[in-house]
Amino acid sequence: MIFIIVNVVFCLSFLVFAYLNLNDIDWYLWVPIYVAVAACCGLAVFGKYYPSVYLGLIAFYLIYAVILFFAKDGVRDWIVKYKQPSLVETMQAEKPFIENTREFFGLLIISAALIIDYLVVMHV
């Protein structure tokens, strides 16, 4: 039962995140990213599991996260060059590192959701 509730929360949350990204400059990338993971979580609620899809998406998301980590004005620069200033003072990404760093953490969150589902499915 907990698995179903968690996946409903994940699914709805990721759909909201996809909606919020519709006005972003790179919406064509982020809307499908969030919709894909929302679909996986939504299908899991109904007992539909696709472990190979989970693994493919996890690989894509984590590779993209590594790219954002090492990108110019990415997470590494946020830590080393900019000394970790707040990422949540405003919703506007006014400083160059904010967008990449927020996207990095978003990718980690959605990867974690898929990893949780994958591990649960493989042990069912």
C-alpha atoms as a PDB file:
ATOM      1  CA  MET A   1       0.000   0.000   0.000  1.00  0.00           C
ATOM      2  CA  ILE A   2       2.851   2.401   0.829  1.00  0.00           C
ATOM      3  CA  PHE A   3       4.353   1.685  -2.599  1.00  0.00           C
ATOM      4  CA  ILE A   4       1.118   2.771  -4.281  1.00  0.00           C
ATOM      5  CA  ILE A   5       0.812   5.958  -2.208  1.00  0.00           C
ATOM      6  CA  VAL A   6       4.447   6.899  -2.852  1.00  0.00           C
ATOM      7  CA  ASN A   7       4.005   6.372  -6.596  1.00  0.00           C
ATOM      8  CA  VAL A   8       0.808   8.443  -6.673  1.00  0.00           C
ATOM      9  CA  VAL A   9       2.683  11.268  -4.936  1.00  0.00           C
ATOM     10  CA  PHE A  10       5.657  10.873  -7.305  1.00  0.00           C
ATOM     11  CA  CYS A  11       3.414  10.774 -10.377  1.00  0.00           C
ATOM     12  CA  LEU A  12       1.424  13.863  -9.422  1.00  0.00           C
ATOM     13  CA  SER A  13       4.539  15.754  -8.350  1.00  0.00           C
ATOM     14  CA  PHE A  14       6.379  15.033 -11.588  1.00  0.00           C
ATOM     15  CA  LEU A  15       3.347  16.055 -13.635  1.00  0.00           C
ATOM     16  CA  VAL A  16       3.288  19.365 -11.771  1.00  0.00           C
ATOM     17  CA  PHE A  17       7.021  19.781 -12.409  1.00  0.00           C
ATOM     18  CA  ALA A  18       6.446  19.106 -16.114  1.00  0.00           C
ATOM     19  CA  TYR A  19       3.697  21.717 -16.167  1.00  0.00           C
ATOM     20  CA  LEU A  20       5.915  24.270 -14.411  1.00  0.00           C
ATOM     21  CA  ASN A  21       8.603  23.703 -17.024  1.00  0.00           C
ATOM     22  CA  LEU A  22       6.299  24.570 -19.930  1.00  0.00           C
ATOM     23  CA  ASN A  23       7.400  28.211 -19.743  1.00  0.00           C
ATOM     24  CA  ASP A  24      11.112  27.386 -19.447  1.00  0.00           C
ATOM     25  CA  ILE A  25      13.515  28.110 -22.272  1.00  0.00           C
ATOM     26  CA  ASP A  26      14.409  24.410 -22.587  1.00  0.00           C
ATOM     27  CA  TRP A  27      10.897  23.059 -22.011  1.00  0.00           C
ATOM     28  CA  TYR A  28      11.299  20.617 -24.923  1.00  0.00           C
ATOM     29  CA  LEU A  29      13.873  18.730 -22.823  1.00  0.00           C
ATOM     30  CA  TRP A  30      12.444  18.984 -19.315  1.00  0.00           C
ATOM     31  CA  VAL A  31       8.763  18.358 -19.980  1.00  0.00           C
ATOM     32  CA  PRO A  32       9.475  14.913 -21.522  1.00  0.00           C
ATOM     33  CA  ILE A  33      11.960  14.139 -18.739  1.00  0.00           C
ATOM     34  CA  TYR A  34       9.317  14.741 -16.071  1.00  0.00           C
ATOM     35  CA  VAL A  35       6.469  13.160 -18.051  1.00  0.00           C
ATOM     36  CA  ALA A  36       8.489   9.966 -18.613  1.00  0.00           C
ATOM     37  CA  VAL A  37       9.173   9.449 -14.929  1.00  0.00           C
ATOM     38  CA  ALA A  38       5.574  10.433 -14.055  1.00  0.00           C
ATOM     39  CA  ALA A  39       4.332   7.796 -16.513  1.00  0.00           C
ATOM     40  CA  CYS A  40       6.563   5.138 -14.948  1.00  0.00           C
ATOM     41  CA  CYS A  41       5.318   5.984 -11.462  1.00  0.00           C
ATOM     42  CA  GLY A  42       1.707   6.173 -12.628  1.00  0.00           C
ATOM     43  CA  LEU A  43       1.909   2.798 -14.350  1.00  0.00           C
ATOM     44  CA  ALA A  44       3.472   1.278 -11.221  1.00  0.00           C
ATOM     45  CA  VAL A  45       0.339   2.283  -9.302  1.00  0.00           C
ATOM     46  CA  PHE A  46      -1.607  -0.064 -11.578  1.00  0.00           C
ATOM     47  CA  GLY A  47       0.928  -2.883 -11.335  1.00  0.00           C
ATOM     48  CA  LYS A  48       2.550  -2.186 -14.703  1.00  0.00           C
ATOM     49  CA  TYR A  49       6.323  -2.400 -14.399  1.00  0.00           C
ATOM     50  CA  TYR A  50       8.955  -1.929 -17.087  1.00  0.00           C
ATOM     51  CA  PRO A  51      12.356  -2.544 -15.461  1.00  0.00           C
ATOM     52  CA  SER A  52      14.293  -2.060 -18.700  1.00  0.00           C
ATOM     53  CA  VAL A  53      12.638   1.340 -19.173  1.00  0.00           C
ATOM     54  CA  TYR A  54      13.546   2.248 -15.583  1.00  0.00           C
ATOM     55  CA  LEU A  55      17.177   1.298 -16.207  1.00  0.00           C
ATOM     56  CA  GLY A  56      17.319   3.213 -19.492  1.00  0.00           C
ATOM     57  CA  LEU A  57      15.839   6.351 -17.956  1.00  0.00           C
ATOM     58  CA  ILE A  58      18.050   6.090 -14.862  1.00  0.00           C
ATOM     59  CA  ALA A  59      21.128   5.801 -17.078  1.00  0.00           C
ATOM     60  CA  PHE A  60      20.080   8.801 -19.190  1.00  0.00           C
ATOM     61  CA  TYR A  61      19.233  10.944 -16.161  1.00  0.00           C
ATOM     62  CA  LEU A  62      22.445  10.114 -14.299  1.00  0.00           C
ATOM     63  CA  ILE A  63      24.633  10.690 -17.363  1.00  0.00           C
ATOM     64  CA  TYR A  64      22.927  14.040 -17.889  1.00  0.00           C
ATOM     65  CA  ALA A  65      23.442  14.826 -14.171  1.00  0.00           C
ATOM     66  CA  VAL A  66      27.183  14.138 -14.512  1.00  0.00           C
ATOM     67  CA  ILE A  67      27.295  16.460 -17.531  1.00  0.00           C
ATOM     68  CA  LEU A  68      25.567  19.207 -15.519  1.00  0.00           C
ATOM     69  CA  PHE A  69      27.919  18.616 -12.600  1.00  0.00           C
ATOM     70  CA  PHE A  70      31.012  19.305 -14.692  1.00  0.00           C
ATOM     71  CA  ALA A  71      29.515  21.887 -17.082  1.00  0.00           C
ATOM     72  CA  LYS A  72      30.692  25.481 -17.080  1.00  0.00           C
ATOM     73  CA  ASP A  73      28.685  27.160 -14.316  1.00  0.00           C
ATOM     74  CA  GLY A  74      27.496  23.718 -13.221  1.00  0.00           C
ATOM     75  CA  VAL A  75      27.380  22.117  -9.802  1.00  0.00           C
ATOM     76  CA  ARG A  76      31.161  21.884  -9.445  1.00  0.00           C
ATOM     77  CA  ASP A  77      31.474  25.623 -10.153  1.00  0.00           C
ATOM     78  CA  TRP A  78      28.618  26.325  -7.721  1.00  0.00           C
ATOM     79  CA  ILE A  79      30.589  24.488  -5.015  1.00  0.00           C
ATOM     80  CA  VAL A  80      34.147  25.600  -5.809  1.00  0.00           C
ATOM     81  CA  LYS A  81      33.954  28.874  -7.733  1.00  0.00           C
ATOM     82  CA  TYR A  82      30.805  30.430  -6.243  1.00  0.00           C
ATOM     83  CA  LYS A  83      31.109  28.937  -2.708  1.00  0.00           C
ATOM     84  CA  GLN A  84      27.582  27.435  -2.587  1.00  0.00           C
ATOM     85  CA  PRO A  85      25.290  30.466  -2.392  1.00  0.00           C
ATOM     86  CA  SER A  86      21.574  29.810  -1.961  1.00  0.00           C
ATOM     87  CA  LEU A  87      19.744  28.317  -4.924  1.00  0.00           C
ATOM     88  CA  VAL A  88      16.285  29.158  -3.605  1.00  0.00           C
ATOM     89  CA  GLU A  89      16.350  32.868  -2.859  1.00  0.00           C
ATOM     90  CA  THR A  90      14.246  33.524  -5.953  1.00  0.00           C
ATOM     91  CA  MET A  91      12.661  31.365  -8.618  1.00  0.00           C
ATOM     92  CA  GLN A  92      14.459  33.383 -11.296  1.00  0.00           C
ATOM     93  CA  ALA A  93      17.792  31.899 -12.294  1.00  0.00           C
ATOM     94  CA  GLU A  94      19.638  35.210 -12.170  1.00  0.00           C
ATOM     95  CA  LYS A  95      23.091  33.749 -11.658  1.00  0.00           C
ATOM     96  CA  PRO A  96      24.660  31.415 -14.219  1.00  0.00           C
ATOM     97  CA  PHE A  97      25.057  28.391 -11.938  1.00  0.00           C
ATOM     98  CA  ILE A  98      21.503  28.317 -10.583  1.00  0.00           C
ATOM     99  CA  GLU A  99      19.763  26.639 -13.536  1.00  0.00           C
ATOM    100  CA  ASN A 100      22.344  23.873 -13.983  1.00  0.00           C
ATOM    101  CA  THR A 101      22.508  23.152 -10.265  1.00  0.00           C
ATOM    102  CA  ARG A 102      18.726  23.011  -9.858  1.00  0.00           C
ATOM    103  CA  GLU A 103      18.449  20.752 -12.900  1.00  0.00           C
ATOM    104  CA  PHE A 104      21.182  18.496 -11.484  1.00  0.00           C
ATOM    105  CA  PHE A 105      19.282  17.999  -8.236  1.00  0.00           C
ATOM    106  CA  GLY A 106      16.036  17.454 -10.155  1.00  0.00           C
ATOM    107  CA  LEU A 107      17.711  14.659 -12.089  1.00  0.00           C
ATOM    108  CA  LEU A 108      18.914  13.070  -8.847  1.00  0.00           C
ATOM    109  CA  ILE A 109      15.377  13.194  -7.413  1.00  0.00           C
ATOM    110  CA  ILE A 110      13.754  11.573 -10.426  1.00  0.00           C
ATOM    111  CA  SER A 111      16.542   9.001 -10.630  1.00  0.00           C
ATOM    112  CA  ALA A 112      15.949   8.149  -6.973  1.00  0.00           C
ATOM    113  CA  ALA A 113      12.220   7.661  -7.630  1.00  0.00           C
ATOM    114  CA  LEU A 114      12.969   5.279 -10.494  1.00  0.00           C
ATOM    115  CA  ILE A 115      15.626   3.424  -8.492  1.00  0.00           C
ATOM    116  CA  ILE A 116      13.151   2.924  -5.643  1.00  0.00           C
ATOM    117  CA  ASP A 117      10.561   1.532  -8.055  1.00  0.00           C
ATOM    118  CA  TYR A 118      13.127  -0.661  -9.771  1.00  0.00           C
ATOM    119  CA  LEU A 119      14.372  -2.136  -6.485  1.00  0.00           C
ATOM    120  CA  VAL A 120      10.846  -2.777  -5.243  1.00  0.00           C
ATOM    121  CA  VAL A 121       9.809  -4.402  -8.516  1.00  0.00           C
ATOM    122  CA  MET A 122      12.883  -6.632  -8.627  1.00  0.00           C
ATOM    123  CA  HIS A 123      12.115  -7.890  -5.111  1.00  0.00           C
ATOM    124  CA  VAL A 124       8.384  -8.523  -5.685  1.00  0.00           C
END
